Amino acid sequence: GYYQGRYCPCLEQAIAAAAIRSMNR
């Protein structure tokens, strides 16, 4: 989840996916 001391793009995508699932609940 971390790349070069920052959030990895894959983690940011996972956060967005979690937010989308929450919105569609």
mmCIF file of all heavy atoms, coordinates in Angstrom:
data_MODEL
# 
_entry.id   MODEL 
# 
loop_
_atom_site.group_PDB 
_atom_site.id 
_atom_site.type_symbol 
_atom_site.label_atom_id 
_atom_site.label_alt_id 
_atom_site.label_comp_id 
_atom_site.label_asym_id 
_atom_site.label_entity_id 
_atom_site.label_seq_id 
_atom_site.pdbx_PDB_ins_code 
_atom_site.Cartn_x 
_atom_site.Cartn_y 
_atom_site.Cartn_z 
_atom_site.occupancy 
_atom_site.B_iso_or_equiv 
_atom_site.pdbx_formal_charge 
_atom_site.auth_seq_id 
_atom_site.auth_comp_id 
_atom_site.auth_asym_id 
_atom_site.auth_atom_id 
_atom_site.pdbx_PDB_model_num 
ATOM 1   N N   . GLY A 1 1  ? 0.802   -1.218 0.000   1.00 0.00 ? 1  GLY A N   1 
ATOM 2   C CA  . GLY A 1 1  ? 0.000   0.000  0.000   1.00 0.00 ? 1  GLY A CA  1 
ATOM 3   C C   . GLY A 1 1  ? 0.832   1.263  0.000   1.00 0.00 ? 1  GLY A C   1 
ATOM 4   O O   . GLY A 1 1  ? 0.280   2.362  -0.121  1.00 0.00 ? 1  GLY A O   1 
ATOM 5   N N   . TYR A 1 2  ? 2.152   1.126  0.122   1.00 0.00 ? 2  TYR A N   1 
ATOM 6   C CA  . TYR A 1 2  ? 3.018   2.306  0.209   1.00 0.00 ? 2  TYR A CA  1 
ATOM 7   C C   . TYR A 1 2  ? 4.159   2.182  -0.805  1.00 0.00 ? 2  TYR A C   1 
ATOM 8   O O   . TYR A 1 2  ? 4.749   1.116  -0.971  1.00 0.00 ? 2  TYR A O   1 
ATOM 9   C CB  . TYR A 1 2  ? 3.589   2.460  1.613   1.00 0.00 ? 2  TYR A CB  1 
ATOM 10  C CG  . TYR A 1 2  ? 2.509   2.685  2.648   1.00 0.00 ? 2  TYR A CG  1 
ATOM 11  C CD1 . TYR A 1 2  ? 1.937   1.602  3.322   1.00 0.00 ? 2  TYR A CD1 1 
ATOM 12  C CD2 . TYR A 1 2  ? 2.030   3.961  2.928   1.00 0.00 ? 2  TYR A CD2 1 
ATOM 13  C CE1 . TYR A 1 2  ? 0.927   1.795  4.257   1.00 0.00 ? 2  TYR A CE1 1 
ATOM 14  C CE2 . TYR A 1 2  ? 1.030   4.165  3.855   1.00 0.00 ? 2  TYR A CE2 1 
ATOM 15  C CZ  . TYR A 1 2  ? 0.472   3.080  4.514   1.00 0.00 ? 2  TYR A CZ  1 
ATOM 16  O OH  . TYR A 1 2  ? -0.521  3.274  5.430   1.00 0.00 ? 2  TYR A OH  1 
ATOM 17  N N   . TYR A 1 3  ? 4.455   3.306  -1.474  1.00 0.00 ? 3  TYR A N   1 
ATOM 18  C CA  . TYR A 1 3  ? 5.502   3.322  -2.493  1.00 0.00 ? 3  TYR A CA  1 
ATOM 19  C C   . TYR A 1 3  ? 6.268   4.633  -2.386  1.00 0.00 ? 3  TYR A C   1 
ATOM 20  O O   . TYR A 1 3  ? 5.681   5.713  -2.449  1.00 0.00 ? 3  TYR A O   1 
ATOM 21  C CB  . TYR A 1 3  ? 4.877   3.188  -3.882  1.00 0.00 ? 3  TYR A CB  1 
ATOM 22  C CG  . TYR A 1 3  ? 5.855   3.270  -5.028  1.00 0.00 ? 3  TYR A CG  1 
ATOM 23  C CD1 . TYR A 1 3  ? 6.820   2.281  -5.220  1.00 0.00 ? 3  TYR A CD1 1 
ATOM 24  C CD2 . TYR A 1 3  ? 5.813   4.337  -5.926  1.00 0.00 ? 3  TYR A CD2 1 
ATOM 25  C CE1 . TYR A 1 3  ? 7.714   2.356  -6.278  1.00 0.00 ? 3  TYR A CE1 1 
ATOM 26  C CE2 . TYR A 1 3  ? 6.699   4.405  -6.990  1.00 0.00 ? 3  TYR A CE2 1 
ATOM 27  C CZ  . TYR A 1 3  ? 7.647   3.421  -7.153  1.00 0.00 ? 3  TYR A CZ  1 
ATOM 28  O OH  . TYR A 1 3  ? 8.543   3.491  -8.194  1.00 0.00 ? 3  TYR A OH  1 
ATOM 29  N N   . GLN A 1 4  ? 7.571   4.517  -2.159  1.00 0.00 ? 4  GLN A N   1 
ATOM 30  C CA  . GLN A 1 4  ? 8.458   5.675  -2.022  1.00 0.00 ? 4  GLN A CA  1 
ATOM 31  C C   . GLN A 1 4  ? 7.956   6.650  -0.958  1.00 0.00 ? 4  GLN A C   1 
ATOM 32  O O   . GLN A 1 4  ? 7.959   7.871  -1.130  1.00 0.00 ? 4  GLN A O   1 
ATOM 33  C CB  . GLN A 1 4  ? 8.616   6.383  -3.364  1.00 0.00 ? 4  GLN A CB  1 
ATOM 34  C CG  . GLN A 1 4  ? 9.305   5.525  -4.418  1.00 0.00 ? 4  GLN A CG  1 
ATOM 35  C CD  . GLN A 1 4  ? 9.495   6.239  -5.744  1.00 0.00 ? 4  GLN A CD  1 
ATOM 36  O OE1 . GLN A 1 4  ? 8.855   7.255  -6.014  1.00 0.00 ? 4  GLN A OE1 1 
ATOM 37  N NE2 . GLN A 1 4  ? 10.388  5.715  -6.573  1.00 0.00 ? 4  GLN A NE2 1 
ATOM 38  N N   . GLY A 1 5  ? 7.515   6.079  0.156   1.00 0.00 ? 5  GLY A N   1 
ATOM 39  C CA  . GLY A 1 5  ? 7.093   6.891  1.290   1.00 0.00 ? 5  GLY A CA  1 
ATOM 40  C C   . GLY A 1 5  ? 5.726   7.529  1.158   1.00 0.00 ? 5  GLY A C   1 
ATOM 41  O O   . GLY A 1 5  ? 5.343   8.356  1.999   1.00 0.00 ? 5  GLY A O   1 
ATOM 42  N N   . ARG A 1 6  ? 4.959   7.147  0.134   1.00 0.00 ? 6  ARG A N   1 
ATOM 43  C CA  . ARG A 1 6  ? 3.633   7.731  -0.070  1.00 0.00 ? 6  ARG A CA  1 
ATOM 44  C C   . ARG A 1 6  ? 2.635   6.611  -0.340  1.00 0.00 ? 6  ARG A C   1 
ATOM 45  O O   . ARG A 1 6  ? 3.016   5.455  -0.530  1.00 0.00 ? 6  ARG A O   1 
ATOM 46  C CB  . ARG A 1 6  ? 3.657   8.706  -1.259  1.00 0.00 ? 6  ARG A CB  1 
ATOM 47  C CG  . ARG A 1 6  ? 4.730   9.771  -1.140  1.00 0.00 ? 6  ARG A CG  1 
ATOM 48  C CD  . ARG A 1 6  ? 4.799   10.649 -2.367  1.00 0.00 ? 6  ARG A CD  1 
ATOM 49  N NE  . ARG A 1 6  ? 3.615   11.488 -2.503  1.00 0.00 ? 6  ARG A NE  1 
ATOM 50  C CZ  . ARG A 1 6  ? 3.472   12.404 -3.455  1.00 0.00 ? 6  ARG A CZ  1 
ATOM 51  N NH1 . ARG A 1 6  ? 4.416   12.568 -4.351  1.00 0.00 ? 6  ARG A NH1 1 
ATOM 52  N NH2 . ARG A 1 6  ? 2.374   13.124 -3.521  1.00 0.00 ? 6  ARG A NH2 1 
ATOM 53  N N   . TYR A 1 7  ? 1.347   6.982  -0.350  1.00 0.00 ? 7  TYR A N   1 
ATOM 54  C CA  . TYR A 1 7  ? 0.336   5.991  -0.713  1.00 0.00 ? 7  TYR A CA  1 
ATOM 55  C C   . TYR A 1 7  ? 0.589   5.524  -2.141  1.00 0.00 ? 7  TYR A C   1 
ATOM 56  O O   . TYR A 1 7  ? 0.790   6.338  -3.049  1.00 0.00 ? 7  TYR A O   1 
ATOM 57  C CB  . TYR A 1 7  ? -1.077  6.581  -0.643  1.00 0.00 ? 7  TYR A CB  1 
ATOM 58  C CG  . TYR A 1 7  ? -1.555  6.923  0.753   1.00 0.00 ? 7  TYR A CG  1 
ATOM 59  C CD1 . TYR A 1 7  ? -2.546  7.879  0.945   1.00 0.00 ? 7  TYR A CD1 1 
ATOM 60  C CD2 . TYR A 1 7  ? -1.030  6.284  1.868   1.00 0.00 ? 7  TYR A CD2 1 
ATOM 61  C CE1 . TYR A 1 7  ? -2.994  8.196  2.212   1.00 0.00 ? 7  TYR A CE1 1 
ATOM 62  C CE2 . TYR A 1 7  ? -1.468  6.599  3.131   1.00 0.00 ? 7  TYR A CE2 1 
ATOM 63  C CZ  . TYR A 1 7  ? -2.444  7.560  3.309   1.00 0.00 ? 7  TYR A CZ  1 
ATOM 64  O OH  . TYR A 1 7  ? -2.883  7.870  4.557   1.00 0.00 ? 7  TYR A OH  1 
ATOM 65  N N   . CYS A 1 8  ? 0.562   4.224  -2.339  1.00 0.00 ? 8  CYS A N   1 
ATOM 66  C CA  . CYS A 1 8  ? 0.722   3.669  -3.678  1.00 0.00 ? 8  CYS A CA  1 
ATOM 67  C C   . CYS A 1 8  ? -0.561  3.924  -4.472  1.00 0.00 ? 8  CYS A C   1 
ATOM 68  O O   . CYS A 1 8  ? -1.659  3.930  -3.899  1.00 0.00 ? 8  CYS A O   1 
ATOM 69  C CB  . CYS A 1 8  ? 0.998   2.168  -3.584  1.00 0.00 ? 8  CYS A CB  1 
ATOM 70  S SG  . CYS A 1 8  ? 1.234   1.375  -5.194  1.00 0.00 ? 8  CYS A SG  1 
ATOM 71  N N   . PRO A 1 9  ? -0.452  4.128  -5.790  1.00 0.00 ? 9  PRO A N   1 
ATOM 72  C CA  . PRO A 1 9  ? -1.669  4.289  -6.602  1.00 0.00 ? 9  PRO A CA  1 
ATOM 73  C C   . PRO A 1 9  ? -2.661  3.139  -6.431  1.00 0.00 ? 9  PRO A C   1 
ATOM 74  O O   . PRO A 1 9  ? -3.868  3.353  -6.500  1.00 0.00 ? 9  PRO A O   1 
ATOM 75  C CB  . PRO A 1 9  ? -1.126  4.350  -8.032  1.00 0.00 ? 9  PRO A CB  1 
ATOM 76  C CG  . PRO A 1 9  ? 0.245   4.928  -7.880  1.00 0.00 ? 9  PRO A CG  1 
ATOM 77  C CD  . PRO A 1 9  ? 0.765   4.370  -6.578  1.00 0.00 ? 9  PRO A CD  1 
ATOM 78  N N   . CYS A 1 10 ? -2.163  1.926  -6.173  1.00 0.00 ? 10 CYS A N   1 
ATOM 79  C CA  . CYS A 1 10 ? -3.088  0.800  -6.008  1.00 0.00 ? 10 CYS A CA  1 
ATOM 80  C C   . CYS A 1 10 ? -3.923  0.960  -4.735  1.00 0.00 ? 10 CYS A C   1 
ATOM 81  O O   . CYS A 1 10 ? -5.080  0.559  -4.694  1.00 0.00 ? 10 CYS A O   1 
ATOM 82  C CB  . CYS A 1 10 ? -2.329  -0.534 -6.001  1.00 0.00 ? 10 CYS A CB  1 
ATOM 83  S SG  . CYS A 1 10 ? -1.463  -0.937 -4.464  1.00 0.00 ? 10 CYS A SG  1 
ATOM 84  N N   . LEU A 1 11 ? -3.322  1.553  -3.684  1.00 0.00 ? 11 LEU A N   1 
ATOM 85  C CA  . LEU A 1 11 ? -4.080  1.814  -2.459  1.00 0.00 ? 11 LEU A CA  1 
ATOM 86  C C   . LEU A 1 11 ? -5.100  2.917  -2.695  1.00 0.00 ? 11 LEU A C   1 
ATOM 87  O O   . LEU A 1 11 ? -6.247  2.829  -2.227  1.00 0.00 ? 11 LEU A O   1 
ATOM 88  C CB  . LEU A 1 11 ? -3.143  2.203  -1.314  1.00 0.00 ? 11 LEU A CB  1 
ATOM 89  C CG  . LEU A 1 11 ? -3.817  2.573  0.015   1.00 0.00 ? 11 LEU A CG  1 
ATOM 90  C CD1 . LEU A 1 11 ? -4.664  1.424  0.540   1.00 0.00 ? 11 LEU A CD1 1 
ATOM 91  C CD2 . LEU A 1 11 ? -2.782  2.990  1.048   1.00 0.00 ? 11 LEU A CD2 1 
ATOM 92  N N   . GLU A 1 12 ? -4.724  3.955  -3.439  1.00 0.00 ? 12 GLU A N   1 
ATOM 93  C CA  . GLU A 1 12 ? -5.665  5.027  -3.747  1.00 0.00 ? 12 GLU A CA  1 
ATOM 94  C C   . GLU A 1 12 ? -6.848  4.494  -4.548  1.00 0.00 ? 12 GLU A C   1 
ATOM 95  O O   . GLU A 1 12 ? -7.996  4.896  -4.334  1.00 0.00 ? 12 GLU A O   1 
ATOM 96  C CB  . GLU A 1 12 ? -4.943  6.132  -4.516  1.00 0.00 ? 12 GLU A CB  1 
ATOM 97  C CG  . GLU A 1 12 ? -3.875  6.844  -3.678  1.00 0.00 ? 12 GLU A CG  1 
ATOM 98  C CD  . GLU A 1 12 ? -3.097  7.870  -4.478  1.00 0.00 ? 12 GLU A CD  1 
ATOM 99  O OE1 . GLU A 1 12 ? -3.158  7.815  -5.735  1.00 0.00 ? 12 GLU A OE1 1 
ATOM 100 O OE2 . GLU A 1 12 ? -2.438  8.728  -3.860  1.00 0.00 ? 12 GLU A OE2 1 
ATOM 101 N N   . GLN A 1 13 ? -6.571  3.563  -5.476  1.00 0.00 ? 13 GLN A N   1 
ATOM 102 C CA  . GLN A 1 13 ? -7.656  2.939  -6.242  1.00 0.00 ? 13 GLN A CA  1 
ATOM 103 C C   . GLN A 1 13 ? -8.557  2.108  -5.340  1.00 0.00 ? 13 GLN A C   1 
ATOM 104 O O   . GLN A 1 13 ? -9.776  2.101  -5.502  1.00 0.00 ? 13 GLN A O   1 
ATOM 105 C CB  . GLN A 1 13 ? -7.075  2.073  -7.349  1.00 0.00 ? 13 GLN A CB  1 
ATOM 106 C CG  . GLN A 1 13 ? -6.376  2.858  -8.450  1.00 0.00 ? 13 GLN A CG  1 
ATOM 107 C CD  . GLN A 1 13 ? -5.634  1.963  -9.427  1.00 0.00 ? 13 GLN A CD  1 
ATOM 108 O OE1 . GLN A 1 13 ? -5.664  0.737  -9.316  1.00 0.00 ? 13 GLN A OE1 1 
ATOM 109 N NE2 . GLN A 1 13 ? -4.954  2.561  -10.382 1.00 0.00 ? 13 GLN A NE2 1 
ATOM 110 N N   . ALA A 1 14 ? -7.959  1.411  -4.374  1.00 0.00 ? 14 ALA A N   1 
ATOM 111 C CA  . ALA A 1 14 ? -8.746  0.601  -3.443  1.00 0.00 ? 14 ALA A CA  1 
ATOM 112 C C   . ALA A 1 14 ? -9.621  1.487  -2.551  1.00 0.00 ? 14 ALA A C   1 
ATOM 113 O O   . ALA A 1 14 ? -10.750 1.132  -2.221  1.00 0.00 ? 14 ALA A O   1 
ATOM 114 C CB  . ALA A 1 14 ? -7.821  -0.264 -2.593  1.00 0.00 ? 14 ALA A CB  1 
ATOM 115 N N   . ILE A 1 15 ? -9.089  2.653  -2.153  1.00 0.00 ? 15 ILE A N   1 
ATOM 116 C CA  . ILE A 1 15 ? -9.866  3.600  -1.344  1.00 0.00 ? 15 ILE A CA  1 
ATOM 117 C C   . ILE A 1 15 ? -11.062 4.101  -2.153  1.00 0.00 ? 15 ILE A C   1 
ATOM 118 O O   . ILE A 1 15 ? -12.192 4.170  -1.654  1.00 0.00 ? 15 ILE A O   1 
ATOM 119 C CB  . ILE A 1 15 ? -8.987  4.770  -0.883  1.00 0.00 ? 15 ILE A CB  1 
ATOM 120 C CG1 . ILE A 1 15 ? -7.917  4.282  0.094   1.00 0.00 ? 15 ILE A CG1 1 
ATOM 121 C CG2 . ILE A 1 15 ? -9.834  5.863  -0.229  1.00 0.00 ? 15 ILE A CG2 1 
ATOM 122 C CD1 . ILE A 1 15 ? -6.848  5.312  0.413   1.00 0.00 ? 15 ILE A CD1 1 
ATOM 123 N N   . ALA A 1 16 ? -10.816 4.455  -3.430  1.00 0.00 ? 16 ALA A N   1 
ATOM 124 C CA  . ALA A 1 16 ? -11.905 4.923  -4.291  1.00 0.00 ? 16 ALA A CA  1 
ATOM 125 C C   . ALA A 1 16 ? -12.961 3.836  -4.475  1.00 0.00 ? 16 ALA A C   1 
ATOM 126 O O   . ALA A 1 16 ? -14.164 4.107  -4.432  1.00 0.00 ? 16 ALA A O   1 
ATOM 127 C CB  . ALA A 1 16 ? -11.345 5.353  -5.643  1.00 0.00 ? 16 ALA A CB  1 
ATOM 128 N N   . ALA A 1 17 ? -12.516 2.585  -4.661  1.00 0.00 ? 17 ALA A N   1 
ATOM 129 C CA  . ALA A 1 17 ? -13.455 1.474  -4.828  1.00 0.00 ? 17 ALA A CA  1 
ATOM 130 C C   . ALA A 1 17 ? -14.299 1.281  -3.573  1.00 0.00 ? 17 ALA A C   1 
ATOM 131 O O   . ALA A 1 17 ? -15.508 1.015  -3.656  1.00 0.00 ? 17 ALA A O   1 
ATOM 132 C CB  . ALA A 1 17 ? -12.702 0.189  -5.165  1.00 0.00 ? 17 ALA A CB  1 
ATOM 133 N N   . ALA A 1 18 ? -13.674 1.420  -2.394  1.00 0.00 ? 18 ALA A N   1 
ATOM 134 C CA  . ALA A 1 18 ? -14.420 1.295  -1.132  1.00 0.00 ? 18 ALA A CA  1 
ATOM 135 C C   . ALA A 1 18 ? -15.443 2.413  -1.001  1.00 0.00 ? 18 ALA A C   1 
ATOM 136 O O   . ALA A 1 18 ? -16.572 2.189  -0.543  1.00 0.00 ? 18 ALA A O   1 
ATOM 137 C CB  . ALA A 1 18 ? -13.448 1.303  0.047   1.00 0.00 ? 18 ALA A CB  1 
ATOM 138 N N   . ALA A 1 19 ? -15.052 3.621  -1.411  1.00 0.00 ? 19 ALA A N   1 
ATOM 139 C CA  . ALA A 1 19 ? -15.979 4.752  -1.356  1.00 0.00 ? 19 ALA A CA  1 
ATOM 140 C C   . ALA A 1 19 ? -17.152 4.543  -2.307  1.00 0.00 ? 19 ALA A C   1 
ATOM 141 O O   . ALA A 1 19 ? -18.304 4.850  -1.974  1.00 0.00 ? 19 ALA A O   1 
ATOM 142 C CB  . ALA A 1 19 ? -15.247 6.040  -1.698  1.00 0.00 ? 19 ALA A CB  1 
ATOM 143 N N   . ILE A 1 20 ? -16.877 3.995  -3.481  1.00 0.00 ? 20 ILE A N   1 
ATOM 144 C CA  . ILE A 1 20 ? -17.932 3.734  -4.458  1.00 0.00 ? 20 ILE A CA  1 
ATOM 145 C C   . ILE A 1 20 ? -18.901 2.676  -3.942  1.00 0.00 ? 20 ILE A C   1 
ATOM 146 O O   . ILE A 1 20 ? -20.122 2.809  -4.065  1.00 0.00 ? 20 ILE A O   1 
ATOM 147 C CB  . ILE A 1 20 ? -17.313 3.302  -5.797  1.00 0.00 ? 20 ILE A CB  1 
ATOM 148 C CG1 . ILE A 1 20 ? -16.620 4.503  -6.454  1.00 0.00 ? 20 ILE A CG1 1 
ATOM 149 C CG2 . ILE A 1 20 ? -18.367 2.715  -6.736  1.00 0.00 ? 20 ILE A CG2 1 
ATOM 150 C CD1 . ILE A 1 20 ? -15.749 4.137  -7.625  1.00 0.00 ? 20 ILE A CD1 1 
ATOM 151 N N   . ARG A 1 21 ? -18.356 1.617  -3.323  1.00 0.00 ? 21 ARG A N   1 
ATOM 152 C CA  . ARG A 1 21 ? -19.232 0.586  -2.748  1.00 0.00 ? 21 ARG A CA  1 
ATOM 153 C C   . ARG A 1 21 ? -20.122 1.189  -1.674  1.00 0.00 ? 21 ARG A C   1 
ATOM 154 O O   . ARG A 1 21 ? -21.314 0.848  -1.575  1.00 0.00 ? 21 ARG A O   1 
ATOM 155 C CB  . ARG A 1 21 ? -18.399 -0.551 -2.169  1.00 0.00 ? 21 ARG A CB  1 
ATOM 156 C CG  . ARG A 1 21 ? -17.756 -1.450 -3.213  1.00 0.00 ? 21 ARG A CG  1 
ATOM 157 C CD  . ARG A 1 21 ? -17.242 -2.734 -2.585  1.00 0.00 ? 21 ARG A CD  1 
ATOM 158 N NE  . ARG A 1 21 ? -16.218 -2.482 -1.581  1.00 0.00 ? 21 ARG A NE  1 
ATOM 159 C CZ  . ARG A 1 21 ? -14.919 -2.366 -1.845  1.00 0.00 ? 21 ARG A CZ  1 
ATOM 160 N NH1 . ARG A 1 21 ? -14.484 -2.479 -3.086  1.00 0.00 ? 21 ARG A NH1 1 
ATOM 161 N NH2 . ARG A 1 21 ? -14.053 -2.156 -0.873  1.00 0.00 ? 21 ARG A NH2 1 
ATOM 162 N N   . SER A 1 22 ? -19.569 2.091  -0.876  1.00 0.00 ? 22 SER A N   1 
ATOM 163 C CA  . SER A 1 22 ? -20.348 2.740  0.177   1.00 0.00 ? 22 SER A CA  1 
ATOM 164 C C   . SER A 1 22 ? -21.456 3.599  -0.425  1.00 0.00 ? 22 SER A C   1 
ATOM 165 O O   . SER A 1 22 ? -22.593 3.595  0.059   1.00 0.00 ? 22 SER A O   1 
ATOM 166 C CB  . SER A 1 22 ? -19.425 3.595  1.051   1.00 0.00 ? 22 SER A CB  1 
ATOM 167 O OG  . SER A 1 22 ? -20.157 4.276  2.046   1.00 0.00 ? 22 SER A OG  1 
ATOM 168 N N   . MET A 1 23 ? -21.138 4.326  -1.495  1.00 0.00 ? 23 MET A N   1 
ATOM 169 C CA  . MET A 1 23 ? -22.141 5.187  -2.132  1.00 0.00 ? 23 MET A CA  1 
ATOM 170 C C   . MET A 1 23 ? -23.262 4.368  -2.759  1.00 0.00 ? 23 MET A C   1 
ATOM 171 O O   . MET A 1 23 ? -24.419 4.798  -2.780  1.00 0.00 ? 23 MET A O   1 
ATOM 172 C CB  . MET A 1 23 ? -21.466 6.051  -3.198  1.00 0.00 ? 23 MET A CB  1 
ATOM 173 C CG  . MET A 1 23 ? -20.519 7.095  -2.639  1.00 0.00 ? 23 MET A CG  1 
ATOM 174 S SD  . MET A 1 23 ? -19.689 8.013  -3.947  1.00 0.00 ? 23 MET A SD  1 
ATOM 175 C CE  . MET A 1 23 ? -21.075 8.883  -4.665  1.00 0.00 ? 23 MET A CE  1 
ATOM 176 N N   . ASN A 1 24 ? -22.933 3.192  -3.270  1.00 0.00 ? 24 ASN A N   1 
ATOM 177 C CA  . ASN A 1 24 ? -23.936 2.368  -3.965  1.00 0.00 ? 24 ASN A CA  1 
ATOM 178 C C   . ASN A 1 24 ? -24.731 1.473  -3.018  1.00 0.00 ? 24 ASN A C   1 
ATOM 179 O O   . ASN A 1 24 ? -25.607 0.741  -3.467  1.00 0.00 ? 24 ASN A O   1 
ATOM 180 C CB  . ASN A 1 24 ? -23.250 1.483  -5.015  1.00 0.00 ? 24 ASN A CB  1 
ATOM 181 C CG  . ASN A 1 24 ? -22.837 2.272  -6.245  1.00 0.00 ? 24 ASN A CG  1 
ATOM 182 O OD1 . ASN A 1 24 ? -23.453 3.277  -6.569  1.00 0.00 ? 24 ASN A OD1 1 
ATOM 183 N ND2 . ASN A 1 24 ? -21.791 1.826  -6.917  1.00 0.00 ? 24 ASN A ND2 1 
ATOM 184 N N   . ARG A 1 25 ? -24.414 1.523  -1.737  1.00 0.00 ? 25 ARG A N   1 
ATOM 185 C CA  . ARG A 1 25 ? -25.039 0.582  -0.799  1.00 0.00 ? 25 ARG A CA  1 
ATOM 186 C C   . ARG A 1 25 ? -26.559 0.681  -0.806  1.00 0.00 ? 25 ARG A C   1 
ATOM 187 O O   . ARG A 1 25 ? -27.259 -0.309 -0.634  1.00 0.00 ? 25 ARG A O   1 
ATOM 188 C CB  . ARG A 1 25 ? -24.486 0.839  0.601   1.00 0.00 ? 25 ARG A CB  1 
ATOM 189 C CG  . ARG A 1 25 ? -24.734 -0.300 1.592   1.00 0.00 ? 25 ARG A CG  1 
ATOM 190 C CD  . ARG A 1 25 ? -23.865 -0.129 2.818   1.00 0.00 ? 25 ARG A CD  1 
ATOM 191 N NE  . ARG A 1 25 ? -22.465 -0.336 2.497   1.00 0.00 ? 25 ARG A NE  1 
ATOM 192 C CZ  . ARG A 1 25 ? -21.457 0.346  3.039   1.00 0.00 ? 25 ARG A CZ  1 
ATOM 193 N NH1 . ARG A 1 25 ? -21.706 1.304  3.909   1.00 0.00 ? 25 ARG A NH1 1 
ATOM 194 N NH2 . ARG A 1 25 ? -20.213 0.094  2.693   1.00 0.00 ? 25 ARG A NH2 1 
# 
